[in-house]
Structures are given as structure tokens and as C-alpha cells.
């Protein structure tokens, strides 16, 4: 029996494992660059803020009940701010495209139209509720024990 055979098997298996890990990390990194984070929705923000206040400030149930309207308001205000910002950003891009059209050839104008169509649209910039998310303005209710 050859003693080096088990060591070769271990080395070979370890090498394959490490190469698989490196390949997986490279693929994950490549995919992660193309996924943009989404802004939080009103319910997500309300839930996060309420949980943070509950844990960090150790709010009593009575205090939590008093601050829930403020949580709902700040969440709605942040959503409105996001919607306004998206509208402004879209207008900036539209103005930019209008400015450069004079310098482009007919072929380039066609390609520009393709770029415009490929640009993500947020119709009408965040005002549509997302079917898979709650969009309530109310702060989440504390579960009863």
C-alpha cells in the first residue's frame, strides 16, 4: 500500500474545495455589482424605526402608543421625499438627453432612444404600491403577549 495516496487524495480534495470557493465568491461579487439596493418602503421604515426605538430607548407600551403617530408621519414624509427625489432625478436625465440631441447623428439618436427605454421607470416615481409589500402609513402595532 502506498502511504502517499491518502495525502494526495486530501490535497486534491482540498484544492477542489478552495477553487470552488474562489469561483463562487467571484460569481457572487459579479452578480452583487448589478443588483442595486432598493429604498425602504413605508412599512419597512416604520417597522425598523419602531423596533429600534423600542430596543434602544426601552419604551414602555404606553410610550410606544404615544410615538406611533410620529413614526407613521416620518415614514410617510420620507416616502414623499423619495418620490420627489425620483421625479427630480428623472427630469434631470430627460433634460440631459434633450440637451445632447443636437450633437448626435440620426443613428445615435436611435441608440439614445433605446437607452431611454432601457432606463428604469418608477411610474409615477414611487406612487404605485408594490404588490409584495405593505404600503400602509401606519406604524406597526406591537404584538400582544
Foldseek 3Di string as FASTA:
>chain_A
DDPCVVVVVVVVVVVVVVVVVVVVVVVVVVVVVVDDDDDDALQRQLAVVLVCCCVPVVDDLVVSVVCQVVSLVVSVVVLVVQQVVQQVVVVVVVVVLVVCPVVDDPVVVVVVVVVVVPPDQCVVRRPDDDPVDDRDSTRDDDDDD
